[in-house]
N, C-alpha and C. Protein backbone atom coordinates (compact mmCIF):
# COMPACT_ATOMS: atom_id res chain seq x y z
N UNK A 1 -47.22 -26.43 118.36
CA UNK A 1 -47.57 -28.15 117.35
C UNK A 1 -46.58 -28.87 118.88
N UNK A 2 -47.11 -29.90 119.18
CA UNK A 2 -46.50 -30.84 119.84
C UNK A 2 -45.58 -31.93 119.05
N UNK A 3 -44.61 -32.38 119.96
CA UNK A 3 -43.80 -33.15 118.83
C UNK A 3 -43.99 -34.39 118.53
N UNK A 4 -45.93 -35.20 118.80
CA UNK A 4 -46.31 -36.06 118.10
C UNK A 4 -46.93 -35.59 117.12
N UNK A 5 -46.93 -34.29 117.24
CA UNK A 5 -48.26 -33.77 115.56
C UNK A 5 -46.98 -33.53 114.69
N UNK A 6 -46.05 -33.13 114.66
CA UNK A 6 -44.58 -32.53 114.52
C UNK A 6 -44.45 -33.89 113.83
N UNK A 7 -44.59 -35.05 113.66
CA UNK A 7 -44.01 -36.86 113.29
C UNK A 7 -45.27 -37.30 112.96
N UNK A 8 -46.13 -36.80 113.40
CA UNK A 8 -47.36 -38.24 113.01
C UNK A 8 -47.89 -38.07 110.97
N UNK A 9 -48.23 -39.07 110.53
CA UNK A 9 -47.80 -39.76 109.52
C UNK A 9 -49.24 -39.20 108.92
N UNK A 10 -49.73 -38.66 108.30
CA UNK A 10 -51.21 -39.48 107.50
C UNK A 10 -51.22 -39.50 106.15
N UNK A 11 -51.97 -39.60 105.57
CA UNK A 11 -52.35 -40.21 104.21
C UNK A 11 -52.77 -39.25 103.61
N UNK A 12 -52.15 -38.80 102.45
CA UNK A 12 -52.61 -37.67 101.72
C UNK A 12 -52.53 -37.78 100.51
N UNK A 13 -53.46 -36.98 99.60
CA UNK A 13 -54.45 -36.63 98.28
C UNK A 13 -54.30 -36.10 97.04
N UNK A 14 -53.76 -35.29 97.01
CA UNK A 14 -53.44 -34.27 96.39
C UNK A 14 -54.05 -34.13 94.89
N UNK A 15 -55.08 -33.58 94.74
CA UNK A 15 -55.74 -33.85 92.97
C UNK A 15 -55.21 -32.42 92.42
N UNK A 16 -54.62 -32.78 91.11
CA UNK A 16 -54.24 -31.93 90.28
C UNK A 16 -54.48 -31.62 88.77
N UNK A 17 -54.88 -30.32 88.56
CA UNK A 17 -54.85 -30.14 87.01
C UNK A 17 -54.32 -31.30 85.94
N UNK A 18 -53.10 -31.72 85.94
CA UNK A 18 -52.86 -31.90 85.02
C UNK A 18 -53.60 -33.79 84.78
N UNK A 19 -54.69 -34.12 85.94
CA UNK A 19 -55.26 -35.29 86.26
C UNK A 19 -54.72 -36.30 86.72
N UNK A 20 -53.28 -35.94 87.33
CA UNK A 20 -52.53 -36.91 88.55
C UNK A 20 -53.55 -36.83 89.71
N UNK A 21 -53.27 -37.89 91.03
CA UNK A 21 -53.63 -38.00 92.08
C UNK A 21 -52.15 -38.54 92.42
N UNK A 22 -51.64 -37.15 93.48
CA UNK A 22 -50.66 -37.72 94.23
C UNK A 22 -51.23 -38.51 95.44
N UNK A 23 -50.84 -39.50 95.49
CA UNK A 23 -51.23 -40.59 97.09
C UNK A 23 -49.57 -40.26 97.74
N UNK A 24 -49.72 -40.21 99.09
CA UNK A 24 -48.01 -40.76 100.36
C UNK A 24 -49.39 -40.91 101.30
N UNK A 25 -47.85 -40.57 102.52
CA UNK A 25 -48.20 -41.03 103.17
C UNK A 25 -47.00 -40.01 104.24
N UNK A 26 -47.12 -39.21 104.78
CA UNK A 26 -46.23 -38.34 105.08
C UNK A 26 -46.63 -37.19 106.22
N UNK A 27 -46.26 -36.12 106.76
CA UNK A 27 -47.01 -35.10 107.29
C UNK A 27 -45.66 -33.31 106.55
N UNK A 28 -46.83 -32.56 107.20
CA UNK A 28 -46.62 -31.40 106.60
C UNK A 28 -45.37 -30.48 106.82
N UNK A 29 -44.82 -30.43 106.53
CA UNK A 29 -43.68 -29.66 107.09
C UNK A 29 -43.28 -28.68 107.30
N UNK A 30 -44.06 -27.74 106.21
CA UNK A 30 -44.08 -26.35 106.10
C UNK A 30 -44.81 -26.00 105.24
N UNK A 31 -45.83 -24.27 104.83
CA UNK A 31 -46.56 -24.12 104.64
C UNK A 31 -46.80 -22.47 104.38
N UNK A 32 -46.90 -21.66 103.41
CA UNK A 32 -47.40 -20.55 103.17
C UNK A 32 -48.73 -19.94 102.35
N UNK A 33 -48.95 -18.85 102.59
CA UNK A 33 -49.46 -17.74 101.50
C UNK A 33 -49.44 -16.36 101.68
N UNK A 34 -50.03 -16.27 100.49
CA UNK A 34 -49.41 -14.70 100.25
C UNK A 34 -50.61 -14.51 99.28
N UNK A 35 -50.93 -13.19 99.25
CA UNK A 35 -51.77 -12.26 98.18
C UNK A 35 -51.00 -11.70 97.14
N UNK A 36 -51.05 -11.69 96.20
CA UNK A 36 -50.35 -10.57 95.38
C UNK A 36 -51.18 -9.68 94.96
N UNK A 37 -51.69 -8.45 95.39
CA UNK A 37 -52.26 -7.34 94.96
C UNK A 37 -52.51 -6.75 93.54
N UNK A 38 -51.94 -7.10 92.94
CA UNK A 38 -51.69 -6.67 91.43
C UNK A 38 -52.32 -7.06 90.77
N UNK A 39 -52.31 -8.53 90.38
CA UNK A 39 -52.35 -9.61 90.04
C UNK A 39 -54.03 -9.97 90.91
N UNK A 40 -53.92 -9.98 92.36
CA UNK A 40 -55.36 -10.71 92.89
C UNK A 40 -55.41 -12.42 92.88
N UNK A 41 -54.10 -12.70 92.88
CA UNK A 41 -54.06 -14.31 93.20
C UNK A 41 -53.49 -14.38 94.53
N UNK A 42 -53.60 -14.89 95.02
CA UNK A 42 -53.61 -15.81 96.14
C UNK A 42 -53.26 -17.20 95.92
N UNK A 43 -51.97 -17.58 96.70
CA UNK A 43 -51.07 -18.43 96.61
C UNK A 43 -50.74 -19.32 97.85
N UNK A 44 -51.11 -20.21 97.60
CA UNK A 44 -50.53 -21.32 99.06
C UNK A 44 -49.63 -22.70 98.74
N UNK A 45 -48.86 -22.91 99.49
CA UNK A 45 -47.67 -23.39 99.28
C UNK A 45 -47.11 -24.20 100.10
N UNK A 46 -47.24 -25.40 100.03
CA UNK A 46 -46.60 -26.50 101.51
C UNK A 46 -46.44 -28.03 100.82
N UNK A 47 -44.83 -27.36 101.59
CA UNK A 47 -44.38 -29.12 102.11
C UNK A 47 -44.23 -29.80 102.53
N UNK A 48 -44.31 -31.21 102.03
CA UNK A 48 -44.60 -32.10 103.20
C UNK A 48 -43.53 -33.28 103.10
N UNK A 49 -43.12 -33.87 103.96
CA UNK A 49 -42.09 -35.26 104.76
C UNK A 49 -43.18 -36.31 103.83
N UNK A 50 -42.62 -37.17 103.53
CA UNK A 50 -43.38 -38.76 103.13
C UNK A 50 -42.38 -40.14 104.12
N UNK A 51 -43.49 -40.63 104.23
CA UNK A 51 -43.09 -41.74 105.54
C UNK A 51 -41.60 -42.15 104.26
N UNK A 52 -41.79 -42.06 103.34
CA UNK A 52 -40.10 -42.73 102.86
C UNK A 52 -38.95 -41.70 102.79
N UNK A 53 -39.65 -40.17 102.92
CA UNK A 53 -37.86 -39.18 103.30
C UNK A 53 -38.29 -38.38 102.20
N UNK A 54 -39.10 -38.31 101.12
CA UNK A 54 -39.40 -37.91 100.37
C UNK A 54 -39.58 -36.43 100.46
N UNK A 55 -39.47 -35.68 99.42
CA UNK A 55 -40.60 -34.36 99.67
C UNK A 55 -41.45 -34.23 98.58
N UNK A 56 -43.08 -33.67 99.02
CA UNK A 56 -43.80 -33.29 98.16
C UNK A 56 -43.76 -31.74 98.54
N UNK A 57 -44.09 -30.73 97.04
CA UNK A 57 -43.95 -29.45 97.11
C UNK A 57 -45.83 -29.20 96.61
N UNK A 58 -46.75 -28.54 97.16
CA UNK A 58 -48.02 -28.43 96.06
C UNK A 58 -47.59 -26.95 96.30
N UNK A 59 -48.88 -26.67 94.97
CA UNK A 59 -48.44 -25.08 94.88
C UNK A 59 -50.33 -25.23 94.36
N UNK A 60 -51.08 -24.17 95.10
CA UNK A 60 -52.66 -23.96 94.87
C UNK A 60 -52.64 -22.69 94.53
N UNK A 61 -53.19 -21.94 93.24
CA UNK A 61 -53.17 -20.66 93.19
C UNK A 61 -54.89 -20.13 92.74
N UNK A 62 -55.08 -18.89 92.56
CA UNK A 62 -56.45 -18.79 92.51
C UNK A 62 -57.11 -17.08 92.48
N UNK A 63 -57.23 -16.86 91.47
CA UNK A 63 -58.13 -15.40 91.42
C UNK A 63 -58.92 -15.52 90.75
N UNK A 64 -60.45 -15.49 91.42
CA UNK A 64 -61.87 -15.16 90.70
C UNK A 64 -61.84 -16.43 90.48
N UNK A 65 -62.26 -16.98 89.03
CA UNK A 65 -62.26 -18.51 89.05
C UNK A 65 -61.76 -18.88 88.81
N UNK A 66 -60.73 -18.01 87.91
CA UNK A 66 -59.17 -19.48 87.42
C UNK A 66 -58.79 -19.88 89.13
N UNK A 67 -58.35 -21.08 88.85
CA UNK A 67 -57.60 -21.90 89.62
C UNK A 67 -56.45 -23.04 89.54
N UNK A 68 -54.83 -22.75 89.92
CA UNK A 68 -54.71 -23.65 89.22
C UNK A 68 -53.88 -24.80 91.13
N UNK A 69 -53.86 -25.92 90.73
CA UNK A 69 -53.29 -26.92 91.07
C UNK A 69 -51.89 -27.44 91.06
N UNK A 70 -50.86 -27.14 91.41
CA UNK A 70 -49.85 -28.30 90.57
C UNK A 70 -48.89 -29.29 92.11
N UNK A 71 -48.60 -30.54 92.39
CA UNK A 71 -47.59 -30.66 92.79
C UNK A 71 -46.18 -31.06 92.47
N UNK A 72 -45.40 -31.87 93.57
CA UNK A 72 -44.08 -32.47 92.73
C UNK A 72 -43.42 -33.39 93.75
N UNK A 73 -43.21 -34.46 93.74
CA UNK A 73 -42.74 -35.14 94.85
C UNK A 73 -41.57 -35.56 94.42
N UNK A 74 -40.41 -35.01 95.23
CA UNK A 74 -38.85 -34.89 94.98
C UNK A 74 -38.57 -36.56 95.75
N UNK A 75 -36.97 -36.98 95.31
CA UNK A 75 -36.83 -38.32 95.62
C UNK A 75 -35.37 -38.12 95.30
N UNK A 76 -34.57 -37.81 96.73
CA UNK A 76 -33.09 -37.65 96.31
C UNK A 76 -32.77 -39.54 96.78
N UNK A 77 -31.80 -39.77 95.50
CA UNK A 77 -31.23 -40.84 96.36
C UNK A 77 -29.25 -40.78 95.47
N UNK A 78 -28.68 -40.88 96.57
CA UNK A 78 -27.42 -40.01 96.55
C UNK A 78 -27.47 -39.01 95.78
N UNK A 79 -26.86 -39.32 94.13
CA UNK A 79 -26.05 -37.77 93.85
C UNK A 79 -27.48 -37.71 92.80
N UNK A 80 -28.61 -38.38 93.00
CA UNK A 80 -29.52 -38.33 91.86
C UNK A 80 -30.68 -37.41 92.10
N UNK A 81 -31.45 -36.92 91.61
CA UNK A 81 -32.86 -36.55 91.93
C UNK A 81 -33.64 -36.93 91.47
N UNK A 82 -35.15 -37.58 91.50
CA UNK A 82 -36.00 -37.77 90.74
C UNK A 82 -37.58 -36.43 90.67
N UNK A 83 -37.87 -35.67 89.54
CA UNK A 83 -39.16 -35.54 90.05
C UNK A 83 -40.50 -35.94 90.00
N UNK A 84 -41.16 -35.51 89.65
CA UNK A 84 -42.37 -36.15 89.38
C UNK A 84 -43.74 -34.96 89.43
N UNK A 85 -44.27 -35.41 88.77
CA UNK A 85 -45.33 -34.26 88.82
C UNK A 85 -47.53 -35.53 88.58
N UNK A 86 -46.86 -36.58 88.81
CA UNK A 86 -47.87 -37.18 88.85
C UNK A 86 -48.13 -38.12 87.51
N UNK A 87 -47.71 -37.44 86.51
CA UNK A 87 -47.46 -37.42 84.83
C UNK A 87 -46.28 -38.03 84.42
N UNK A 88 -45.56 -37.03 84.46
CA UNK A 88 -44.16 -37.14 84.11
C UNK A 88 -43.38 -37.30 85.13
N UNK A 89 -41.79 -37.82 84.57
CA UNK A 89 -40.59 -38.20 85.37
C UNK A 89 -39.73 -37.58 84.86
N UNK A 90 -38.45 -37.10 86.00
CA UNK A 90 -37.85 -36.89 84.78
C UNK A 90 -36.61 -36.79 86.53
N UNK A 91 -35.02 -37.19 86.38
CA UNK A 91 -34.36 -37.66 86.98
C UNK A 91 -32.23 -36.56 86.67
N UNK A 92 -31.99 -36.23 87.67
CA UNK A 92 -30.94 -35.82 86.96
C UNK A 92 -30.12 -36.24 87.87
N UNK A 93 -28.63 -34.71 88.33
CA UNK A 93 -28.14 -35.16 88.84
C UNK A 93 -28.01 -33.83 90.40
N UNK A 94 -27.91 -34.06 91.21
CA UNK A 94 -29.06 -32.72 92.02
C UNK A 94 -27.96 -31.71 92.37
N UNK A 95 -26.70 -31.75 91.85
CA UNK A 95 -26.41 -30.76 91.43
C UNK A 95 -26.40 -29.93 89.92
N UNK A 96 -26.98 -30.59 89.41
CA UNK A 96 -27.55 -30.05 88.31
C UNK A 96 -29.21 -29.77 88.12
N UNK A 97 -29.50 -30.31 89.54
CA UNK A 97 -30.91 -29.26 89.82
C UNK A 97 -30.26 -27.88 90.42
N UNK A 98 -29.35 -28.22 91.30
CA UNK A 98 -28.92 -26.99 92.38
C UNK A 98 -28.62 -25.56 91.06
N UNK A 99 -27.95 -26.14 89.90
CA UNK A 99 -27.44 -25.49 89.08
C UNK A 99 -28.89 -24.33 88.12
N UNK A 100 -29.34 -25.15 88.12
CA UNK A 100 -30.97 -24.65 87.08
C UNK A 100 -31.78 -24.14 87.98
N UNK A 101 -31.93 -24.42 89.52
CA UNK A 101 -32.90 -23.12 90.49
C UNK A 101 -31.61 -22.03 90.46
N UNK A 102 -30.72 -22.14 90.49
CA UNK A 102 -29.54 -20.87 90.98
C UNK A 102 -30.19 -20.02 89.55
N UNK A 103 -29.48 -21.00 88.61
CA UNK A 103 -30.02 -19.68 86.96
C UNK A 103 -31.54 -19.30 86.70
N UNK A 104 -32.11 -19.77 87.22
CA UNK A 104 -33.55 -19.53 87.02
C UNK A 104 -33.81 -18.08 88.13
N UNK A 105 -32.81 -18.57 88.83
CA UNK A 105 -33.36 -17.47 89.79
C UNK A 105 -32.42 -16.64 89.75
N UNK A 106 -31.96 -16.29 89.03
CA UNK A 106 -30.51 -15.13 88.84
C UNK A 106 -29.31 -15.05 89.94
N UNK A 107 -29.08 -16.30 91.06
CA UNK A 107 -28.67 -15.94 91.78
C UNK A 107 -27.18 -16.72 91.37
N UNK A 108 -26.34 -15.98 92.25
CA UNK A 108 -24.87 -16.53 91.87
C UNK A 108 -24.10 -17.84 92.82
N UNK A 109 -23.53 -18.75 92.58
CA UNK A 109 -22.99 -19.34 93.54
C UNK A 109 -22.64 -19.18 94.81
N UNK A 110 -21.64 -17.90 95.16
CA UNK A 110 -21.06 -17.44 96.15
C UNK A 110 -22.23 -16.57 96.86
N UNK A 111 -23.52 -16.31 96.41
CA UNK A 111 -24.80 -15.48 97.10
C UNK A 111 -26.06 -15.46 97.59
N UNK A 112 -25.31 -16.87 97.66
CA UNK A 112 -26.78 -18.19 98.21
C UNK A 112 -27.38 -18.22 99.32
N UNK A 113 -27.50 -17.88 100.92
CA UNK A 113 -27.40 -18.55 102.42
C UNK A 113 -29.27 -18.94 102.31
N UNK A 114 -29.42 -18.61 101.46
CA UNK A 114 -30.77 -18.64 101.56
C UNK A 114 -31.08 -20.32 100.53
N UNK A 115 -30.70 -20.10 99.83
CA UNK A 115 -30.66 -21.43 98.42
C UNK A 115 -29.97 -22.69 99.43
N UNK A 116 -28.45 -22.36 100.23
CA UNK A 116 -27.95 -22.80 101.11
C UNK A 116 -28.49 -24.20 101.98
N UNK A 117 -29.81 -22.73 102.50
CA UNK A 117 -30.31 -23.62 103.53
C UNK A 117 -31.57 -24.45 102.63
N UNK A 118 -31.95 -24.06 101.54
CA UNK A 118 -32.47 -25.60 100.92
C UNK A 118 -31.94 -26.14 100.52
N UNK A 119 -30.56 -26.50 100.34
CA UNK A 119 -30.39 -27.66 100.05
C UNK A 119 -30.22 -28.32 101.43
N UNK A 120 -29.67 -27.58 102.52
CA UNK A 120 -29.38 -28.25 103.39
C UNK A 120 -30.52 -29.16 104.03
N UNK A 121 -31.59 -28.23 104.14
CA UNK A 121 -32.67 -28.88 104.70
C UNK A 121 -33.52 -29.93 103.83
N UNK A 122 -33.63 -29.86 102.10
CA UNK A 122 -33.47 -31.03 101.25
C UNK A 122 -32.82 -32.79 102.37
N UNK A 123 -31.23 -31.79 102.11
CA UNK A 123 -30.05 -33.59 102.10
C UNK A 123 -30.29 -34.01 103.70
N UNK A 124 -31.12 -32.96 104.89
CA UNK A 124 -31.31 -33.36 106.04
C UNK A 124 -32.84 -33.84 105.56
N UNK A 125 -34.10 -33.47 104.72
CA UNK A 125 -35.33 -35.13 105.31
C UNK A 125 -35.05 -35.73 104.76
N UNK A 126 -33.67 -36.32 103.92
CA UNK A 126 -33.83 -37.28 103.37
C UNK A 126 -33.05 -38.60 104.39
N UNK A 127 -32.30 -37.91 104.83
CA UNK A 127 -31.44 -38.75 106.18
C UNK A 127 -32.05 -40.08 106.78
């Protein structure tokens, strides 16, 4: 990928199952796909960085005729983090969000090098 392709902003509109459409101008930062052979579910995740240095995390999954499309826009302002799915919005201290992520993942604070990388990436993308 060329440097200009990595920084080119595009208009993106994500239509979600909750009826919302997340519209933003941004670029694709990362994506991954995988297939779970046990459940037959194919999952595709994308992480975008917006023109305003927010992140949009998109998850699409499906098995047979069953489909799911979700996305979350994340904005860090100082020590607070706002998360919206296009219908509902929640703002909480960034440290509380990281505590919730660690708890939900069953990770303790001293054994999370990959989570530290996620935190660092999230903070760097907002600079």
